[in-house]
Amino acid sequence: MALIFVISDFLMLFLAEVIAIVLRFWIIGTFDDLTKLWRLLFFIPMTMIIYFSRGLYPAIGVSPVEELRRLFSSTTISFFIITSVSFWFPSILNYSRLIFIVGWIFSFAFVQLGRWFLRFIGGKAGFWGEPVLIMGGGLETWQLLRFLNKNPHIGLKPSLVVITNNSDLVYDGNVPVFHLKKLTEFDEFLQNNFVHINSALLVSNETSEDIKSAILDEQRLKFSHVIVVLNFGRVGNLGLVPYDLEGLMGLEVKQHLLAITDKVLKRIIDVAVSLFALFCAAPLITILGAIVRLESPGPIFYSHQRIGQNGRKFNVLKFRTMRQDADAVLQSYLEQNPEAMEEWKSCRKLKFDPRVTRIGRFLRKSSLDEIPQIVNVLKGEMSLVGPRPIVEDEIELYQEGFKLYTKVLPGITGLWQVSGRNDTTYSERVRLDEYYVRNWSIWLDIYIIFRTIVILMNRNGAY
């Protein structure tokens, strides 16, 4: 897996530099830089050495957000070094600053996209992932197992589940289960059947102290990598920083929501990206508006009251995708279709909605109906990334999660959209919103924006 990433990163970094030089040719009109491309080749292995020092080969078990942060910082350091060499030793590396800037942006983006593509293909094909043993036996063990099976791109492939208690939970899957009674029997069982497993996930809350000691003791059960899985309840996991306090482990919980600099940076990104997007999308907005008006009489845009940060109400903007008599059509349809009524109660959406026009279906499928929300972002009512804005009737469905929801601005995109969108249940949507608020950081926002672009390309889960 590390070798696959090494090859991919090399090719993506090389491609990024070639594109940067070609773009400069279009601007300046000379290909002199291309003849000196070989001089940049030392930069690629230097960058990859920095990647290696940051634990990016093979980056097994590293969260996508953390990998994104490491790749960005490592690529930035590498380009700072090469820019300095170009400045102090122009005879060795005399390149345009434009090439360095464009190359830096493309290198970071291409390497990340290449890694996501490899994980996706590897996960589908079944060759991606480190075989791991999961030890526990309670509800958290089964949740962890289902999560890893559902997300093979993480790189932890469950190969054996060890039950350490008298749990009566049953998992309907293809992973072997071993009920642990004696450690001696377990050691022999591993040697005879699963000698290839070198990593273990230890669910701390569901494992006794003697079993923990045996797993963590290198002389007894020889696992080269042991990950202790802890459940801290409502603590944001992405904000945890470990501290060694003379043998005691301390965990700092970072509260990015309280960091003024992070909030200001988020707002700057919102405004800058929104202005650029509005400028680029102006012709498209005009064309789509005309089509909406031609197909169905009525206004081009649809405004609906939603609840935002601190419980403040505002009107969210969208292209109109429904008929003028939408409410009456919906009521009649739900009364005549009990299954549709259950679907509506479950997620407040219908896969086959009779209210939606033909252009409306296209706009929803492509998510183009949400382009006007750029105006909401510029007004400070929404953010590019955040929980989906809800209506007053949904407060009851959020229950305790509503307090967390009101701590941030709702967003055009968010974890819900990149985690299945309309294919997820409403309770899962609430859980994802809670996770976002507790773990919010600039890097989580950047990760979601990257993922949104990928999701929009294949349009899965949109209707």
Protein backbone atom coordinates (compact mmCIF):
# COMPACT_ATOMS: atom_id res chain seq x y z
CA MET A 1 0.00 0.00 0.00
CA ALA A 2 2.87 2.35 0.79
CA LEU A 3 4.47 1.53 -2.58
CA ILE A 4 1.20 2.28 -4.41
CA PHE A 5 1.02 5.68 -2.71
CA VAL A 6 4.69 6.40 -3.53
CA ILE A 7 4.07 5.74 -7.24
CA SER A 8 0.83 7.74 -7.24
CA ASP A 9 2.34 10.73 -5.41
CA PHE A 10 5.34 10.82 -7.78
CA LEU A 11 3.12 10.83 -10.86
CA MET A 12 0.73 13.44 -9.44
CA LEU A 13 3.57 15.78 -8.41
CA PHE A 14 5.19 15.44 -11.84
CA LEU A 15 1.86 16.08 -13.58
CA ALA A 16 1.25 19.17 -11.45
CA GLU A 17 4.58 20.70 -12.48
CA VAL A 18 4.04 19.95 -16.17
CA ILE A 19 0.59 21.59 -16.08
CA ALA A 20 2.03 24.62 -14.27
CA ILE A 21 4.64 25.06 -17.01
CA VAL A 22 2.07 24.60 -19.79
CA LEU A 23 -0.23 27.20 -18.19
CA ARG A 24 2.63 29.67 -18.08
CA PHE A 25 3.26 28.97 -21.77
CA TRP A 26 -0.31 29.98 -22.55
CA ILE A 27 0.24 33.22 -20.65
CA ILE A 28 3.81 34.09 -21.67
CA GLY A 29 4.13 32.18 -24.93
CA THR A 30 7.48 30.43 -24.37
CA PHE A 31 8.33 26.80 -23.64
CA ASP A 32 11.85 27.50 -22.29
CA ASP A 33 10.80 26.27 -18.85
CA LEU A 34 9.84 22.86 -20.22
CA THR A 35 13.43 22.15 -21.33
CA LYS A 36 14.52 22.68 -17.71
CA LEU A 37 11.90 20.36 -16.27
CA TRP A 38 14.52 17.80 -15.24
CA ARG A 39 15.84 20.30 -12.67
CA LEU A 40 12.55 20.06 -10.80
CA LEU A 41 12.86 16.29 -10.41
CA PHE A 42 14.87 16.67 -7.19
CA PHE A 43 11.90 18.51 -5.72
CA ILE A 44 9.61 15.49 -6.07
CA PRO A 45 11.62 13.02 -3.92
CA MET A 46 12.28 15.83 -1.43
CA THR A 47 8.52 16.37 -1.12
CA MET A 48 7.92 12.66 -0.71
CA ILE A 49 10.55 12.45 2.03
CA ILE A 50 8.61 15.13 3.90
CA TYR A 51 5.43 13.13 3.32
CA PHE A 52 7.15 10.07 4.80
CA SER A 53 8.29 12.02 7.87
CA ARG A 54 4.66 13.08 8.47
CA GLY A 55 3.39 9.47 8.47
CA LEU A 56 1.74 9.66 5.04
CA TYR A 57 3.04 6.29 3.87
CA PRO A 58 0.77 4.39 3.92
CA ALA A 59 -1.38 6.63 6.19
CA ILE A 60 -3.41 3.67 7.45
CA GLY A 61 -6.03 4.73 9.99
CA VAL A 62 -5.31 8.44 9.52
CA SER A 63 -8.54 10.43 9.30
CA PRO A 64 -9.18 12.09 5.89
CA VAL A 65 -9.18 15.51 7.56
CA GLU A 66 -5.82 14.90 9.24
CA GLU A 67 -4.33 13.55 6.01
CA LEU A 68 -5.51 16.67 4.19
CA ARG A 69 -3.83 18.88 6.80
CA ARG A 70 -0.56 16.93 6.67
CA LEU A 71 -0.46 16.95 2.87
CA PHE A 72 -1.05 20.70 2.75
CA SER A 73 1.60 21.55 5.34
CA SER A 74 4.15 19.12 3.85
CA THR A 75 3.61 20.37 0.28
CA THR A 76 3.84 23.99 1.46
CA ILE A 77 7.14 23.33 3.27
CA SER A 78 8.56 21.64 0.18
CA PHE A 79 7.60 24.52 -2.11
CA PHE A 80 9.00 27.03 0.37
CA ILE A 81 12.32 25.20 0.17
CA ILE A 82 12.36 25.04 -3.63
CA THR A 83 11.36 28.70 -3.91
CA SER A 84 14.21 29.64 -1.57
CA VAL A 85 16.67 27.63 -3.68
CA SER A 86 15.41 29.40 -6.80
CA PHE A 87 15.86 32.80 -5.13
CA TRP A 88 19.35 32.25 -3.68
CA PHE A 89 20.73 30.07 -6.47
CA PRO A 90 19.04 31.20 -9.72
CA SER A 91 21.72 29.55 -11.84
CA ILE A 92 20.66 26.15 -10.50
CA LEU A 93 16.89 26.59 -10.54
CA ASN A 94 15.71 29.60 -12.52
CA TYR A 95 11.92 29.33 -12.77
CA SER A 96 9.04 31.76 -12.86
CA ARG A 97 7.34 32.42 -9.52
CA LEU A 98 4.04 31.76 -11.32
CA ILE A 99 5.12 28.17 -11.93
CA PHE A 100 5.87 27.70 -8.24
CA ILE A 101 2.51 29.11 -7.13
CA VAL A 102 0.44 27.14 -9.65
CA GLY A 103 2.55 24.02 -9.07
CA TRP A 104 2.01 24.27 -5.32
CA ILE A 105 -1.78 24.46 -5.70
CA PHE A 106 -1.97 21.64 -8.24
CA SER A 107 0.47 19.41 -6.33
CA PHE A 108 -1.60 19.50 -3.18
CA ALA A 109 -4.88 18.95 -5.04
CA PHE A 110 -3.61 16.23 -7.40
CA VAL A 111 -1.88 14.20 -4.68
CA GLN A 112 -4.99 14.26 -2.51
CA LEU A 113 -7.32 13.33 -5.36
CA GLY A 114 -4.95 10.56 -6.47
CA ARG A 115 -4.98 9.07 -2.98
CA TRP A 116 -8.77 9.21 -2.75
CA PHE A 117 -9.06 7.51 -6.14
CA LEU A 118 -6.66 4.71 -5.14
CA ARG A 119 -8.49 4.10 -1.86
CA PHE A 120 -11.83 4.00 -3.66
CA ILE A 121 -10.59 1.53 -6.28
CA GLY A 122 -8.68 -0.52 -3.71
CA GLY A 123 -11.64 -0.65 -1.36
CA LYS A 124 -13.97 -1.80 -4.13
CA ALA A 125 -11.47 -4.42 -5.34
CA GLY A 126 -10.75 -5.67 -1.83
CA PHE A 127 -6.95 -5.37 -1.91
CA TRP A 128 -6.73 -2.21 0.18
CA GLY A 129 -6.29 -2.35 3.92
CA GLU A 130 -4.25 -3.71 6.82
CA PRO A 131 -5.77 -6.91 8.36
CA VAL A 132 -6.82 -6.13 11.93
CA LEU A 133 -8.28 -7.97 14.90
CA ILE A 134 -11.11 -6.31 16.85
CA MET A 135 -11.34 -7.27 20.51
CA GLY A 136 -14.37 -6.43 22.66
CA GLY A 137 -17.82 -7.90 22.41
CA GLY A 138 -20.37 -5.20 23.15
CA LEU A 139 -22.31 -2.68 21.11
CA GLU A 140 -19.25 -0.49 20.47
CA THR A 141 -17.42 -3.47 18.95
CA TRP A 142 -20.21 -4.11 16.47
CA GLN A 143 -20.48 -0.41 15.64
CA LEU A 144 -16.74 -0.30 14.96
CA LEU A 145 -16.94 -3.42 12.80
CA ARG A 146 -19.81 -2.06 10.72
CA PHE A 147 -18.04 1.29 10.32
CA LEU A 148 -14.80 -0.28 9.05
CA ASN A 149 -16.65 -2.61 6.67
CA LYS A 150 -18.60 0.35 5.32
CA ASN A 151 -15.47 2.51 4.91
CA PRO A 152 -12.71 0.33 3.42
CA HIS A 153 -10.81 3.43 2.29
CA ILE A 154 -9.70 3.99 5.91
CA GLY A 155 -7.33 1.03 5.47
CA LEU A 156 -8.26 -1.09 8.51
CA LYS A 157 -9.69 -4.40 7.25
CA PRO A 158 -11.47 -6.45 9.96
CA SER A 159 -10.27 -10.06 9.73
CA LEU A 160 -11.28 -11.42 13.15
CA VAL A 161 -13.56 -10.41 16.02
CA VAL A 162 -12.64 -11.66 19.49
CA ILE A 163 -15.44 -11.75 22.08
CA THR A 164 -14.06 -11.28 25.58
CA ASN A 165 -17.35 -11.44 27.51
CA ASN A 166 -20.70 -13.22 27.50
CA SER A 167 -22.24 -10.87 24.96
CA ASP A 168 -25.45 -12.06 23.29
CA LEU A 169 -25.17 -9.61 20.39
CA VAL A 170 -25.18 -11.26 16.98
CA TYR A 171 -23.42 -9.80 13.95
CA ASP A 172 -24.60 -11.00 10.56
CA GLY A 173 -21.40 -10.68 8.55
CA ASN A 174 -18.53 -12.52 6.94
CA VAL A 175 -15.87 -11.79 9.60
CA PRO A 176 -14.90 -14.81 11.77
CA VAL A 177 -15.76 -14.58 15.49
CA PHE A 178 -13.73 -16.20 18.29
CA HIS A 179 -15.06 -16.46 21.85
CA LEU A 180 -12.10 -16.00 24.16
CA LYS A 181 -11.97 -18.20 27.27
CA LYS A 182 -8.27 -18.86 27.89
CA LEU A 183 -5.36 -16.78 26.65
CA THR A 184 -3.30 -19.90 25.94
CA GLU A 185 -6.00 -21.20 23.59
CA PHE A 186 -6.24 -17.82 21.93
CA ASP A 187 -2.48 -17.63 21.32
CA GLU A 188 -2.50 -21.07 19.71
CA PHE A 189 -5.60 -20.16 17.67
CA LEU A 190 -3.87 -17.08 16.25
CA GLN A 191 -0.70 -18.96 15.38
CA ASN A 192 -2.64 -21.64 13.53
CA ASN A 193 -5.18 -19.49 11.71
CA PHE A 194 -4.39 -15.77 11.72
CA VAL A 195 -0.62 -15.43 11.86
CA HIS A 196 -0.86 -12.66 9.21
CA ILE A 197 -2.63 -10.28 11.62
CA ASN A 198 -0.13 -7.82 13.13
CA SER A 199 -2.57 -5.11 14.25
CA ALA A 200 -5.31 -5.09 16.88
CA LEU A 201 -8.14 -2.72 17.77
CA LEU A 202 -8.84 -2.95 21.49
CA VAL A 203 -12.27 -1.65 22.53
CA SER A 204 -11.31 -0.50 26.01
CA ASN A 205 -14.78 -0.19 27.56
CA GLU A 206 -15.65 -3.78 26.63
CA THR A 207 -12.40 -5.56 27.54
CA SER A 208 -11.27 -6.71 30.99
CA GLU A 209 -7.99 -5.51 32.52
CA ASP A 210 -6.23 -8.90 32.25
CA ILE A 211 -7.04 -9.12 28.53
CA LYS A 212 -5.80 -5.56 28.00
CA SER A 213 -2.54 -6.41 29.74
CA ALA A 214 -2.08 -9.48 27.56
CA ILE A 215 -2.68 -7.55 24.36
CA LEU A 216 -0.40 -4.67 25.34
CA ASP A 217 2.35 -7.02 26.58
CA GLU A 218 4.70 -7.53 23.66
CA GLN A 219 5.97 -10.80 25.11
CA ARG A 220 2.60 -12.55 25.14
CA LEU A 221 0.42 -11.70 22.15
CA LYS A 222 2.79 -10.11 19.64
CA PHE A 223 0.86 -7.39 17.83
CA SER A 224 3.16 -4.80 16.28
CA HIS A 225 0.35 -2.20 16.26
CA VAL A 226 -2.34 -1.85 18.92
CA ILE A 227 -5.01 0.86 18.71
CA VAL A 228 -6.92 1.40 21.95
CA VAL A 229 -10.47 2.48 21.06
CA LEU A 230 -11.97 4.84 23.63
CA ASN A 231 -15.46 6.31 23.78
CA PHE A 232 -15.48 9.85 25.18
CA GLY A 233 -19.16 10.41 24.52
CA ARG A 234 -19.81 13.96 23.43
CA VAL A 235 -16.16 15.01 23.07
CA GLY A 236 -15.01 15.98 19.57
CA ASN A 237 -12.42 13.37 18.61
CA LEU A 238 -10.68 15.44 15.90
CA GLY A 239 -9.78 18.05 18.52
CA LEU A 240 -8.01 15.68 20.93
CA VAL A 241 -4.28 16.19 21.58
CA PRO A 242 -2.47 13.61 23.78
CA TYR A 243 -0.13 14.62 26.65
CA ASP A 244 2.24 12.43 28.64
CA LEU A 245 1.97 13.44 32.31
CA GLU A 246 4.66 11.24 33.91
CA GLY A 247 2.97 7.99 33.01
CA LEU A 248 -0.54 9.39 32.99
CA MET A 249 -2.16 10.21 29.66
CA GLY A 250 -3.92 13.51 29.34
CA LEU A 251 -6.10 14.58 26.43
CA GLU A 252 -6.57 18.22 25.51
CA VAL A 253 -9.93 18.97 23.93
CA LYS A 254 -9.48 21.80 21.44
CA GLN A 255 -12.53 24.03 21.07
CA HIS A 256 -12.10 25.53 17.61
CA LEU A 257 -15.54 27.14 17.85
CA LEU A 258 -14.14 29.47 20.51
CA ALA A 259 -11.04 30.44 18.48
CA ILE A 260 -11.63 33.91 17.06
CA THR A 261 -8.91 33.57 14.41
CA ASP A 262 -10.46 30.36 13.06
CA LYS A 263 -13.91 31.94 12.87
CA VAL A 264 -12.55 35.03 11.11
CA LEU A 265 -10.65 32.84 8.64
CA LYS A 266 -13.81 30.83 7.95
CA ARG A 267 -15.71 34.04 7.20
CA ILE A 268 -12.95 35.31 4.90
CA ILE A 269 -13.02 32.03 2.97
CA ASP A 270 -16.82 32.18 2.74
CA VAL A 271 -16.84 35.70 1.29
CA ALA A 272 -13.89 35.21 -1.08
CA VAL A 273 -15.13 31.92 -2.53
CA SER A 274 -18.73 33.17 -2.76
CA LEU A 275 -17.78 36.32 -4.68
CA PHE A 276 -15.66 34.30 -7.10
CA ALA A 277 -18.41 31.69 -7.53
CA LEU A 278 -21.09 34.34 -8.07
CA PHE A 279 -18.99 36.01 -10.77
CA CYS A 280 -18.34 32.70 -12.57
CA ALA A 281 -21.94 31.46 -12.23
CA ALA A 282 -23.68 34.64 -13.38
CA PRO A 283 -24.31 33.40 -16.97
CA LEU A 284 -25.50 30.01 -15.69
CA ILE A 285 -27.88 31.67 -13.22
CA THR A 286 -29.39 33.71 -16.04
CA ILE A 287 -29.93 30.66 -18.27
CA LEU A 288 -31.37 28.47 -15.52
CA GLY A 289 -33.67 31.26 -14.37
CA ALA A 290 -35.09 31.60 -17.86
CA ILE A 291 -35.73 27.85 -18.15
CA VAL A 292 -37.45 27.72 -14.75
CA ARG A 293 -39.77 30.56 -15.76
CA LEU A 294 -40.57 29.07 -19.19
CA GLU A 295 -41.52 25.61 -17.87
CA SER A 296 -43.71 26.65 -14.97
CA PRO A 297 -45.40 30.01 -14.31
CA GLY A 298 -44.34 31.73 -11.13
CA PRO A 299 -41.22 33.25 -9.56
CA ILE A 300 -37.72 32.08 -10.56
CA PHE A 301 -36.45 31.89 -7.01
CA TYR A 302 -37.99 30.23 -3.98
CA SER A 303 -37.62 31.72 -0.52
CA HIS A 304 -38.39 29.73 2.60
CA GLN A 305 -37.92 30.57 6.27
CA ARG A 306 -35.25 28.52 8.08
CA ILE A 307 -33.55 28.60 11.47
CA GLY A 308 -29.92 29.69 11.58
CA GLN A 309 -27.19 30.42 14.09
CA ASN A 310 -28.38 31.29 17.61
CA GLY A 311 -31.92 30.35 16.57
CA ARG A 312 -32.22 33.40 14.30
CA LYS A 313 -34.72 32.98 11.44
CA PHE A 314 -33.84 33.87 7.86
CA ASN A 315 -35.09 33.18 4.34
CA VAL A 316 -33.02 30.66 2.37
CA LEU A 317 -32.89 31.15 -1.41
CA LYS A 318 -33.14 28.45 -4.07
CA PHE A 319 -34.18 28.10 -7.67
CA ARG A 320 -37.85 27.15 -7.70
CA THR A 321 -38.10 23.42 -8.45
CA MET A 322 -41.78 22.81 -7.61
CA ARG A 323 -45.18 23.58 -9.04
CA GLN A 324 -47.15 26.52 -7.74
CA ASP A 325 -49.74 24.23 -6.09
CA ALA A 326 -47.04 22.08 -4.43
CA ASP A 327 -48.64 21.88 -0.95
CA ALA A 328 -51.98 20.59 -2.25
CA VAL A 329 -50.26 18.07 -4.56
CA LEU A 330 -48.14 16.74 -1.69
CA GLN A 331 -51.07 16.36 0.69
CA SER A 332 -53.12 14.47 -1.88
CA TYR A 333 -50.18 12.22 -2.83
CA LEU A 334 -49.37 11.28 0.78
CA GLU A 335 -53.00 10.45 1.54
CA GLN A 336 -53.15 8.09 -1.42
CA ASN A 337 -49.70 6.47 -0.83
CA PRO A 338 -49.06 5.16 2.72
CA GLU A 339 -45.51 4.07 1.81
CA ALA A 340 -44.71 7.59 0.69
CA MET A 341 -46.16 8.89 3.96
CA GLU A 342 -43.73 6.69 5.92
CA GLU A 343 -40.83 7.87 3.76
CA TRP A 344 -41.82 11.49 4.39
CA LYS A 345 -42.02 10.95 8.15
CA SER A 346 -38.60 9.25 8.14
CA CYS A 347 -36.49 11.82 6.29
CA ARG A 348 -38.85 14.66 5.28
CA LYS A 349 -38.08 13.98 1.62
CA LEU A 350 -39.53 11.84 -1.19
CA LYS A 351 -37.45 10.05 -3.78
CA PHE A 352 -40.27 10.42 -6.31
CA ASP A 353 -41.79 13.80 -5.46
CA PRO A 354 -44.89 14.67 -7.53
CA ARG A 355 -44.43 18.37 -6.79
CA VAL A 356 -41.10 18.67 -8.63
CA THR A 357 -40.98 19.96 -12.23
CA ARG A 358 -38.77 18.48 -14.96
CA ILE A 359 -36.17 21.24 -14.73
CA GLY A 360 -36.55 20.98 -10.97
CA ARG A 361 -35.51 17.33 -11.02
CA PHE A 362 -32.40 18.23 -12.98
CA LEU A 363 -31.57 21.12 -10.64
CA ARG A 364 -31.97 18.91 -7.57
CA LYS A 365 -30.03 16.00 -9.06
CA SER A 366 -27.14 18.31 -9.92
CA SER A 367 -27.60 20.47 -6.75
CA LEU A 368 -27.69 23.55 -8.99
CA ASP A 369 -30.89 24.63 -7.26
CA GLU A 370 -28.75 25.77 -4.33
CA ILE A 371 -26.60 28.25 -6.27
CA PRO A 372 -28.69 31.27 -5.09
CA GLN A 373 -27.70 30.44 -1.51
CA ILE A 374 -24.42 32.19 -2.29
CA VAL A 375 -26.38 35.35 -1.53
CA ASN A 376 -27.24 33.95 1.93
CA VAL A 377 -23.52 33.32 2.52
CA LEU A 378 -22.57 36.88 1.53
CA LYS A 379 -25.26 38.23 3.89
CA GLY A 380 -23.77 36.23 6.76
CA GLU A 381 -26.87 34.05 7.19
CA MET A 382 -25.15 30.90 5.97
CA SER A 383 -21.68 29.47 5.43
CA LEU A 384 -20.27 27.42 2.59
CA VAL A 385 -19.99 24.45 4.98
CA GLY A 386 -22.24 23.64 7.92
CA PRO A 387 -25.42 21.78 8.92
CA ARG A 388 -28.30 21.97 6.48
CA PRO A 389 -30.70 24.79 7.44
CA ILE A 390 -33.82 23.38 9.10
CA VAL A 391 -37.42 24.57 9.47
CA GLU A 392 -39.18 25.06 12.79
CA ASP A 393 -41.01 21.70 12.57
CA GLU A 394 -37.64 19.91 12.59
CA ILE A 395 -36.54 21.24 15.98
CA GLU A 396 -38.38 18.41 17.70
CA LEU A 397 -36.61 15.86 15.50
CA TYR A 398 -33.20 17.27 16.48
CA GLN A 399 -34.05 17.05 20.21
CA GLU A 400 -30.88 17.81 22.25
CA GLY A 401 -28.88 18.20 19.05
CA PHE A 402 -30.70 21.45 18.30
CA LYS A 403 -28.52 23.35 20.80
CA LEU A 404 -25.41 22.26 18.93
CA TYR A 405 -27.03 23.09 15.60
CA THR A 406 -27.58 26.72 16.62
CA LYS A 407 -23.91 27.21 17.56
CA VAL A 408 -22.80 27.51 13.92
CA LEU A 409 -24.05 28.95 10.66
CA PRO A 410 -25.95 26.46 8.49
CA GLY A 411 -24.16 25.60 5.26
CA ILE A 412 -24.74 25.06 1.55
CA THR A 413 -22.86 21.77 1.89
CA GLY A 414 -21.92 19.66 4.89
CA LEU A 415 -21.19 16.22 6.27
CA TRP A 416 -24.71 15.05 5.46
CA GLN A 417 -24.25 15.84 1.77
CA VAL A 418 -20.92 14.01 1.50
CA SER A 419 -22.07 11.01 3.57
CA GLY A 420 -24.93 9.73 1.47
CA ARG A 421 -27.15 12.83 1.25
CA ASN A 422 -30.79 11.77 0.86
CA ASP A 423 -29.89 8.08 1.21
CA THR A 424 -29.30 8.60 4.94
CA THR A 425 -32.04 8.62 7.59
CA TYR A 426 -32.97 11.77 9.46
CA SER A 427 -31.45 10.47 12.72
CA GLU A 428 -28.15 9.89 10.87
CA ARG A 429 -28.35 13.43 9.53
CA VAL A 430 -28.72 14.78 13.07
CA ARG A 431 -25.77 12.66 14.24
CA LEU A 432 -23.60 13.98 11.39
CA ASP A 433 -24.51 17.58 12.24
CA GLU A 434 -23.56 16.98 15.88
CA TYR A 435 -20.26 15.44 14.81
CA TYR A 436 -19.52 18.44 12.58
CA VAL A 437 -20.12 20.99 15.33
CA ARG A 438 -18.04 19.10 17.92
CA ASN A 439 -15.17 18.50 15.52
CA TRP A 440 -15.28 21.71 13.51
CA SER A 441 -12.05 23.07 12.09
CA ILE A 442 -10.96 24.86 8.93
CA TRP A 443 -9.50 21.58 7.68
CA LEU A 444 -12.78 19.75 8.17
CA ASP A 445 -14.45 22.45 6.04
CA ILE A 446 -11.81 22.09 3.31
CA TYR A 447 -12.22 18.31 3.36
CA ILE A 448 -16.01 18.62 2.98
CA ILE A 449 -15.60 21.06 0.06
CA PHE A 450 -13.26 18.58 -1.69
CA ARG A 451 -15.70 15.74 -1.05
CA THR A 452 -18.64 17.82 -2.28
CA ILE A 453 -16.95 18.31 -5.65
CA VAL A 454 -16.47 14.55 -5.96
CA ILE A 455 -20.07 13.83 -4.92
CA LEU A 456 -21.47 16.34 -7.41
CA MET A 457 -19.58 14.61 -10.22
CA ASN A 458 -21.31 11.27 -9.65
CA ARG A 459 -24.54 12.78 -8.17
CA ASN A 460 -25.13 9.81 -5.84
CA GLY A 461 -27.92 10.20 -3.31
CA ALA A 462 -29.40 13.35 -4.85
CA TYR A 463 -33.09 13.66 -5.75
